[in-house]
N, C-alpha and C. Protein backbone atom coordinates (compact mmCIF):
# COMPACT_ATOMS: atom_id res chain seq x y z
N UNK A 1 3.88 2.21 25.52
CA UNK A 1 2.76 2.65 25.17
C UNK A 1 1.33 2.02 24.64
N UNK A 2 -0.01 2.17 24.90
CA UNK A 2 -1.03 1.46 24.27
C UNK A 2 -2.00 2.12 23.53
N UNK A 3 -2.14 1.88 22.20
CA UNK A 3 -3.01 3.18 21.76
C UNK A 3 -4.11 2.16 21.31
N UNK A 4 -5.60 2.46 21.46
CA UNK A 4 -6.32 2.07 21.56
C UNK A 4 -7.68 2.68 20.11
N UNK A 5 -7.55 2.29 19.04
CA UNK A 5 -7.98 3.24 18.33
C UNK A 5 -10.08 2.41 17.69
N UNK A 6 -9.96 1.51 18.32
CA UNK A 6 -11.62 1.07 17.96
C UNK A 6 -12.94 1.49 17.92
N UNK A 7 -12.82 2.45 19.10
CA UNK A 7 -13.60 3.32 19.27
C UNK A 7 -13.22 4.86 18.77
N UNK A 8 -12.49 5.19 18.42
CA UNK A 8 -11.96 6.42 17.31
C UNK A 8 -12.90 6.98 16.13
N UNK A 9 -13.18 6.05 15.63
CA UNK A 9 -14.09 6.56 14.64
C UNK A 9 -13.41 6.18 12.88
N UNK A 10 -12.24 5.60 13.38
CA UNK A 10 -11.33 5.82 11.49
C UNK A 10 -12.22 4.56 10.85
N UNK A 11 -12.32 4.98 9.61
CA UNK A 11 -12.50 3.90 8.51
C UNK A 11 -12.32 4.38 7.38
N UNK A 12 -12.10 3.71 7.09
CA UNK A 12 -10.87 3.88 5.23
C UNK A 12 -11.93 4.59 4.39
N UNK A 13 -11.28 5.81 3.67
CA UNK A 13 -12.07 6.64 3.02
C UNK A 13 -13.26 5.79 1.82
N UNK A 14 -12.65 4.98 1.61
CA UNK A 14 -13.37 4.06 0.25
C UNK A 14 -14.66 3.07 1.30
N UNK A 15 -14.59 2.91 2.27
CA UNK A 15 -15.15 2.22 3.09
C UNK A 15 -16.49 2.17 2.82
N UNK A 16 -17.72 3.39 2.79
CA UNK A 16 -18.33 3.35 2.79
C UNK A 16 -19.28 3.90 1.23
N UNK A 17 -18.19 3.97 0.65
CA UNK A 17 -18.65 4.49 -0.86
C UNK A 17 -19.44 3.47 -1.29
N UNK A 18 -19.72 3.84 -2.31
CA UNK A 18 -20.62 2.94 -3.34
C UNK A 18 -19.92 1.79 -3.97
N UNK A 19 -19.22 1.11 -3.24
CA UNK A 19 -18.17 0.24 -4.28
C UNK A 19 -18.36 -1.26 -4.24
N UNK A 20 -19.48 -1.30 -4.27
CA UNK A 20 -20.07 -2.88 -3.86
C UNK A 20 -20.43 -3.44 -5.85
N UNK A 21 -20.51 -2.69 -6.56
CA UNK A 21 -20.51 -2.70 -7.92
C UNK A 21 -18.56 -2.77 -8.43
N UNK A 22 -17.87 -2.79 -7.74
CA UNK A 22 -16.78 -2.81 -8.01
C UNK A 22 -16.14 -3.96 -8.30
N UNK A 23 -15.21 -4.54 -8.98
CA UNK A 23 -14.89 -6.37 -9.49
C UNK A 23 -13.11 -5.34 -9.60
N UNK A 24 -12.42 -6.34 -8.95
CA UNK A 24 -11.16 -5.86 -9.21
C UNK A 24 -10.51 -7.51 -9.28
N UNK A 25 -9.67 -7.23 -10.91
CA UNK A 25 -8.99 -8.23 -11.01
C UNK A 25 -7.18 -8.06 -11.00
N UNK A 26 -6.79 -8.89 -10.10
CA UNK A 26 -5.48 -8.21 -10.48
C UNK A 26 -4.49 -9.54 -10.75
N UNK A 27 -3.95 -8.94 -12.23
CA UNK A 27 -3.49 -9.57 -13.18
C UNK A 27 -2.31 -9.97 -12.69
N UNK A 28 -1.04 -9.20 -12.44
CA UNK A 28 -0.17 -9.71 -11.76
C UNK A 28 0.43 -8.94 -10.89
N UNK A 29 1.54 -9.07 -9.80
CA UNK A 29 2.14 -8.52 -8.98
C UNK A 29 3.72 -8.85 -9.00
N UNK A 30 4.46 -7.79 -8.73
CA UNK A 30 5.56 -7.70 -8.82
C UNK A 30 6.68 -7.22 -8.13
N UNK A 31 7.77 -7.07 -7.59
CA UNK A 31 8.23 -6.26 -6.90
C UNK A 31 8.77 -7.14 -4.83
N UNK A 32 8.44 -6.26 -4.21
CA UNK A 32 8.57 -6.63 -2.65
C UNK A 32 7.17 -7.63 -2.18
N UNK A 33 7.78 -9.12 -2.06
CA UNK A 33 6.88 -9.75 -1.71
C UNK A 33 6.07 -9.67 -0.52
N UNK A 34 6.46 -8.93 0.48
CA UNK A 34 5.49 -8.68 1.19
C UNK A 34 4.71 -7.88 1.65
N UNK A 35 4.91 -6.90 0.65
CA UNK A 35 4.27 -5.84 0.47
C UNK A 35 3.26 -5.96 -0.33
N UNK A 36 3.53 -6.70 -1.38
CA UNK A 36 2.55 -7.07 -2.18
C UNK A 36 1.25 -8.26 -1.88
N UNK A 37 1.65 -8.81 -0.95
CA UNK A 37 1.11 -9.77 -0.07
C UNK A 37 -0.23 -8.78 0.75
N UNK A 38 0.55 -7.81 1.25
CA UNK A 38 -0.44 -6.87 2.28
C UNK A 38 -1.12 -6.18 1.17
N UNK A 39 -1.00 -5.86 0.06
CA UNK A 39 -1.96 -5.19 -0.42
C UNK A 39 -2.99 -5.89 -1.41
N UNK A 40 -2.39 -7.14 -1.76
CA UNK A 40 -3.52 -8.41 -2.26
C UNK A 40 -5.01 -8.86 -1.18
N UNK A 41 -4.55 -8.43 0.09
CA UNK A 41 -5.47 -8.90 0.62
C UNK A 41 -6.41 -7.75 1.49
N UNK A 42 -6.14 -6.67 1.18
CA UNK A 42 -6.38 -5.70 0.97
C UNK A 42 -7.81 -5.38 0.25
N UNK A 43 -7.17 -5.69 -1.10
CA UNK A 43 -8.13 -5.40 -2.66
C UNK A 43 -9.01 -6.89 -2.49
N UNK A 44 -8.49 -8.28 -1.81
CA UNK A 44 -9.29 -9.11 -2.45
C UNK A 44 -10.94 -9.33 -2.28
N UNK A 45 -10.96 -8.35 -0.98
CA UNK A 45 -12.70 -8.14 -0.75
C UNK A 45 -13.67 -7.60 -2.23
N UNK A 46 -13.01 -7.05 -2.80
CA UNK A 46 -13.30 -6.23 -4.11
C UNK A 46 -13.37 -7.80 -5.32
N UNK A 47 -13.80 -8.35 -5.09
CA UNK A 47 -13.53 -9.53 -6.29
C UNK A 47 -15.25 -9.77 -6.48
N UNK A 48 -16.22 -8.65 -6.46
CA UNK A 48 -17.57 -9.28 -6.61
C UNK A 48 -17.53 -9.09 -8.20
N UNK A 49 -18.35 -10.91 -8.09
CA UNK A 49 -18.32 -11.61 -9.53
C UNK A 49 -19.61 -11.02 -9.82
N UNK A 50 -20.84 -10.37 -9.30
CA UNK A 50 -22.11 -9.62 -9.85
C UNK A 50 -21.69 -8.32 -10.52
N UNK A 51 -20.30 -7.87 -10.28
CA UNK A 51 -20.30 -6.32 -10.91
C UNK A 51 -20.50 -6.46 -12.32
N UNK A 52 -21.00 -4.98 -13.34
CA UNK A 52 -21.15 -5.25 -14.76
C UNK A 52 -19.48 -5.07 -15.37
N UNK A 53 -18.48 -4.64 -14.81
CA UNK A 53 -17.51 -4.48 -15.28
C UNK A 53 -16.05 -4.50 -14.31
N UNK A 54 -15.36 -5.09 -14.52
CA UNK A 54 -14.16 -5.04 -13.67
C UNK A 54 -12.92 -4.31 -13.87
N UNK A 55 -12.31 -3.75 -13.36
CA UNK A 55 -10.84 -2.99 -13.24
C UNK A 55 -9.43 -4.31 -13.80
N UNK A 56 -9.05 -4.55 -14.14
CA UNK A 56 -8.09 -5.79 -14.25
C UNK A 56 -6.48 -4.69 -14.04
N UNK A 57 -5.75 -5.05 -12.77
CA UNK A 57 -4.39 -3.92 -12.75
C UNK A 57 -3.31 -4.74 -12.38
N UNK A 58 -2.51 -4.50 -13.05
CA UNK A 58 -1.33 -4.97 -12.50
C UNK A 58 -0.35 -4.04 -11.73
N UNK A 59 0.53 -4.53 -10.70
CA UNK A 59 1.15 -3.74 -9.56
C UNK A 59 2.30 -3.93 -9.56
N UNK A 60 3.18 -3.35 -9.76
CA UNK A 60 4.67 -3.15 -9.21
C UNK A 60 5.54 -2.23 -8.10
N UNK A 61 5.64 -3.43 -7.19
CA UNK A 61 6.21 -2.14 -6.40
C UNK A 61 7.72 -1.67 -5.67
N UNK A 62 8.34 -1.48 -5.18
CA UNK A 62 9.60 -0.88 -5.24
C UNK A 62 10.03 -1.10 -3.63
N UNK A 63 10.77 -1.46 -2.79
CA UNK A 63 11.35 -0.78 -2.18
C UNK A 63 12.18 -0.59 -1.48
N UNK A 64 13.02 0.44 -0.93
CA UNK A 64 14.42 0.66 -1.29
C UNK A 64 14.47 0.99 0.77
N UNK A 65 15.99 0.53 1.03
CA UNK A 65 16.12 1.32 2.48
C UNK A 65 17.71 1.68 1.92
N UNK A 66 18.10 2.71 2.68
CA UNK A 66 19.06 3.73 2.23
C UNK A 66 19.36 4.39 3.70
N UNK A 67 20.93 4.23 3.91
CA UNK A 67 21.09 4.59 5.59
C UNK A 67 21.25 6.17 5.39
N UNK A 68 21.05 6.89 6.50
CA UNK A 68 21.29 8.34 6.16
C UNK A 68 22.07 9.06 7.01
N UNK A 69 22.23 8.16 8.32
CA UNK A 69 23.22 8.36 8.66
C UNK A 69 24.00 7.78 9.82
N UNK A 70 25.33 7.53 10.23
CA UNK A 70 25.98 6.55 11.39
C UNK A 70 26.49 7.74 12.50
N UNK A 71 26.71 6.92 13.47
CA UNK A 71 27.61 7.65 14.61
C UNK A 71 28.73 7.21 14.35
N UNK A 72 29.65 7.87 15.54
CA UNK A 72 31.29 8.11 15.26
C UNK A 72 31.96 6.33 15.23
N UNK A 73 31.23 5.63 15.67
CA UNK A 73 31.71 3.91 15.51
C UNK A 73 31.17 3.24 14.29
N UNK A 74 30.47 4.40 13.52
CA UNK A 74 30.38 3.51 12.04
C UNK A 74 28.74 2.68 11.76
N UNK A 75 28.27 2.59 13.12
CA UNK A 75 27.18 2.15 13.44
C UNK A 75 25.94 2.88 13.05
N UNK A 76 25.12 2.13 11.67
CA UNK A 76 23.86 3.49 11.16
C UNK A 76 22.61 3.58 12.40
N UNK A 77 22.62 4.92 12.25
CA UNK A 77 21.39 5.79 13.32
C UNK A 77 19.84 5.60 12.53
N UNK A 78 20.43 6.15 11.64
CA UNK A 78 18.67 6.34 10.77
C UNK A 78 18.62 5.59 9.56
N UNK A 79 17.88 5.53 8.76
CA UNK A 79 17.14 4.79 7.79
C UNK A 79 16.14 5.96 6.78
N UNK A 80 16.54 5.42 5.86
CA UNK A 80 14.74 6.51 4.95
C UNK A 80 14.58 5.18 4.16
N UNK A 81 13.37 4.35 4.44
CA UNK A 81 12.37 3.74 3.58
C UNK A 81 11.66 5.00 2.74
N UNK A 82 11.70 4.13 1.19
CA UNK A 82 11.13 4.44 0.12
C UNK A 82 10.35 3.38 -0.78
N UNK A 83 9.45 3.94 -0.54
CA UNK A 83 8.32 3.02 -1.52
C UNK A 83 7.64 3.66 -2.63
N UNK A 84 7.40 2.53 -3.86
CA UNK A 84 6.74 2.97 -5.05
C UNK A 84 6.25 1.75 -5.31
N UNK A 85 4.84 2.33 -5.82
CA UNK A 85 3.81 1.45 -6.17
C UNK A 85 3.40 2.00 -7.64
N UNK A 86 3.51 1.32 -8.55
CA UNK A 86 3.00 1.50 -9.84
C UNK A 86 2.20 0.64 -10.53
N UNK A 87 0.72 1.08 -10.33
CA UNK A 87 -0.31 0.17 -10.83
C UNK A 87 -0.72 0.50 -12.20
N UNK A 88 -1.06 -0.34 -13.06
CA UNK A 88 -1.48 0.03 -14.28
C UNK A 88 -3.12 -0.61 -14.23
N UNK A 89 -3.80 0.52 -14.36
CA UNK A 89 -5.84 0.17 -14.42
C UNK A 89 -5.82 0.06 -15.82
N UNK A 90 -6.59 -1.08 -16.20
CA UNK A 90 -7.86 -1.21 -17.83
C UNK A 90 -8.87 -1.54 -17.46
N UNK A 91 -9.91 -0.47 -17.44
CA UNK A 91 -11.31 -0.48 -17.38
C UNK A 91 -12.16 0.10 -18.96
N UNK A 92 -12.87 -0.94 -18.97
CA UNK A 92 -13.51 -0.79 -20.17
C UNK A 92 -12.70 -0.66 -21.25
N UNK A 93 -12.81 1.02 -21.73
CA UNK A 93 -11.36 1.26 -22.80
C UNK A 93 -10.45 2.66 -22.58
N UNK A 94 -10.58 2.44 -20.97
CA UNK A 94 -9.69 3.31 -20.51
C UNK A 94 -8.24 2.74 -19.63
N UNK A 95 -7.20 3.21 -20.39
CA UNK A 95 -6.08 2.63 -18.97
C UNK A 95 -5.38 3.91 -18.39
N UNK A 96 -4.74 3.87 -17.77
CA UNK A 96 -4.21 4.38 -16.50
C UNK A 96 -3.10 4.20 -15.52
N UNK A 97 -2.23 5.16 -15.17
CA UNK A 97 -1.39 4.56 -14.43
C UNK A 97 -1.06 4.96 -13.70
N UNK A 98 -1.38 4.81 -12.64
CA UNK A 98 -1.24 5.46 -11.00
C UNK A 98 -0.01 5.10 -10.40
N UNK A 99 0.85 5.60 -9.98
CA UNK A 99 2.30 6.09 -8.90
C UNK A 99 2.03 6.42 -7.73
N UNK A 100 2.23 5.41 -6.53
CA UNK A 100 2.17 6.26 -5.51
C UNK A 100 3.51 6.07 -4.84
N UNK A 101 4.02 7.48 -4.39
CA UNK A 101 5.51 7.32 -3.57
C UNK A 101 5.43 7.57 -2.23
N UNK A 102 6.00 7.27 -1.23
CA UNK A 102 5.87 7.68 0.06
C UNK A 102 7.49 7.11 0.73
N UNK A 103 7.43 7.96 1.34
CA UNK A 103 9.32 7.89 2.25
C UNK A 103 9.06 7.88 3.59
N UNK A 104 9.62 7.40 4.42
CA UNK A 104 9.52 7.14 5.77
C UNK A 104 10.78 7.07 6.46
N UNK A 105 10.92 8.31 8.07
CA UNK A 105 12.01 8.05 8.81
C UNK A 105 12.37 7.36 9.47
N UNK A 106 13.48 6.17 9.65
CA UNK A 106 13.19 5.03 11.29
C UNK A 106 14.89 5.38 11.80
N UNK A 107 14.57 5.31 12.36
CA UNK A 107 15.53 5.00 13.67
C UNK A 107 16.20 3.67 14.05
N UNK A 108 17.43 3.54 13.45
CA UNK A 108 17.91 2.29 14.43
C UNK A 108 17.83 2.38 15.64
N UNK A 109 17.95 0.93 16.41
CA UNK A 109 18.37 0.63 17.80
C UNK A 109 19.08 -0.49 17.95
N UNK A 110 19.54 -0.60 18.79
CA UNK A 110 20.40 -2.14 18.77
C UNK A 110 19.77 -2.93 19.19
N UNK A 111 18.17 -3.12 18.85
CA UNK A 111 17.52 -4.50 18.74
C UNK A 111 16.82 -4.80 17.65
N UNK A 112 17.81 -5.64 16.55
CA UNK A 112 17.48 -6.08 15.73
C UNK A 112 15.65 -6.78 15.37
N UNK A 113 15.70 -7.40 16.72
CA UNK A 113 13.90 -7.46 16.24
C UNK A 113 13.46 -6.47 16.55
N UNK A 114 13.09 -5.30 16.94
CA UNK A 114 12.62 -4.22 17.30
C UNK A 114 12.55 -3.46 15.63
N UNK A 115 13.84 -3.83 15.43
CA UNK A 115 13.88 -3.00 14.18
C UNK A 115 12.91 -3.42 12.71
N UNK A 116 13.23 -4.52 13.29
CA UNK A 116 12.61 -5.36 11.80
C UNK A 116 11.06 -5.55 12.21
N UNK A 117 10.60 -5.46 13.13
CA UNK A 117 9.18 -5.29 13.39
C UNK A 117 8.61 -3.85 13.24
N UNK A 118 9.55 -2.83 13.38
CA UNK A 118 9.35 -1.03 12.73
C UNK A 118 8.86 -1.12 11.24
N UNK A 119 10.19 -2.00 10.80
CA UNK A 119 10.11 -2.00 9.00
C UNK A 119 8.96 -2.76 8.64
N UNK A 120 8.59 -3.96 8.84
CA UNK A 120 7.13 -4.48 8.68
C UNK A 120 5.86 -3.90 9.46
N UNK A 121 5.72 -3.07 10.13
CA UNK A 121 5.10 -1.98 9.84
C UNK A 121 4.98 -0.99 9.30
N UNK A 122 6.19 -0.38 9.22
CA UNK A 122 5.97 0.67 7.79
C UNK A 122 5.72 -0.23 6.89
N UNK A 123 6.02 -0.99 6.38
CA UNK A 123 5.48 -1.58 4.97
C UNK A 123 3.47 -2.25 5.09
N UNK A 124 3.24 -2.61 6.16
CA UNK A 124 2.09 -2.76 6.45
C UNK A 124 1.27 -0.96 6.47
N UNK A 125 1.56 -0.07 6.57
CA UNK A 125 1.14 1.35 6.45
C UNK A 125 1.16 1.67 4.92
N UNK A 126 2.31 1.46 4.35
CA UNK A 126 2.67 1.56 3.05
C UNK A 126 1.16 1.23 2.08
N UNK A 127 1.21 -0.44 2.30
CA UNK A 127 0.55 -1.55 1.84
C UNK A 127 -1.40 -0.56 2.05
N UNK A 128 -1.58 0.26 3.29
CA UNK A 128 -2.95 0.64 3.68
C UNK A 128 -3.19 2.10 2.21
N UNK A 129 -1.86 2.96 2.42
CA UNK A 129 -1.82 3.59 1.73
C UNK A 129 -1.95 3.33 0.28
N UNK A 130 -1.55 2.74 -0.13
CA UNK A 130 -1.73 2.14 -1.50
C UNK A 130 -2.95 1.86 -1.46
N UNK A 131 -3.75 0.87 -0.99
CA UNK A 131 -5.37 0.22 -1.08
C UNK A 131 -6.17 1.36 -1.19
N UNK A 132 -6.05 2.75 -0.46
CA UNK A 132 -6.77 3.39 -0.14
C UNK A 132 -6.86 4.04 -1.30
N UNK A 133 -5.51 4.89 -1.36
CA UNK A 133 -5.19 5.74 -2.60
C UNK A 133 -6.05 4.82 -4.00
N UNK A 134 -5.27 3.59 -3.94
CA UNK A 134 -6.38 3.34 -5.26
C UNK A 134 -7.68 3.19 -5.68
N UNK A 135 -8.05 2.60 -4.88
CA UNK A 135 -9.66 2.37 -4.29
C UNK A 135 -10.12 4.16 -4.56
N UNK A 136 -9.85 4.88 -4.12
CA UNK A 136 -9.79 6.34 -4.62
C UNK A 136 -10.13 6.54 -6.40
N UNK A 137 -9.45 5.81 -6.84
CA UNK A 137 -9.14 6.81 -8.32
C UNK A 137 -10.00 5.63 -8.81
N UNK A 138 -10.08 4.12 -7.91
CA UNK A 138 -11.23 3.13 -9.24
C UNK A 138 -12.55 3.78 -8.70
N UNK A 139 -12.70 4.49 -7.63
CA UNK A 139 -14.41 4.75 -7.45
C UNK A 139 -14.44 6.04 -8.74
N UNK A 140 -13.08 6.92 -8.60
CA UNK A 140 -13.21 7.64 -9.47
C UNK A 140 -13.66 7.69 -10.74
N UNK A 141 -12.91 6.57 -11.41
CA UNK A 141 -13.68 6.03 -12.68
C UNK A 141 -14.44 5.54 -12.95
N UNK A 142 -14.97 4.82 -12.08
CA UNK A 142 -16.01 4.05 -12.18
C UNK A 142 -17.01 4.57 -12.09
N UNK A 143 -17.13 6.15 -11.54
CA UNK A 143 -18.10 7.15 -11.56
C UNK A 143 -18.08 7.83 -12.73
N UNK A 144 -17.24 8.43 -13.52
CA UNK A 144 -17.52 9.18 -14.73
C UNK A 144 -18.33 8.65 -15.93
């Protein structure tokens, strides 16, 4: 199955916003390294050195994989992937904590490589969700 989305008109919700005057300084990241790398790469474009003031943020991510069900042989058939990102934001005189939680269900297949690929795709999706929700919050804060 091939899905092509290049012409569907999708763009991140913050892409066309007035975000040119936003500068993000990531002070610290801890937790799941793969997810943190994905989030960092999405936020790195907001390092505008000409911005008047900057958001200083600290990100803590947590990733948990729980077995939901097993078949008669004891083989795990379904997983639940739980993600949490706790983001501390400091902007001028304002301090705010943003918590983003998501969970995804994943069917286990006998192909370990396929399972790992699916899990990594879901982790990338979570990183996208975190970046978009964070940018939406930062735009709201900067426009106050």
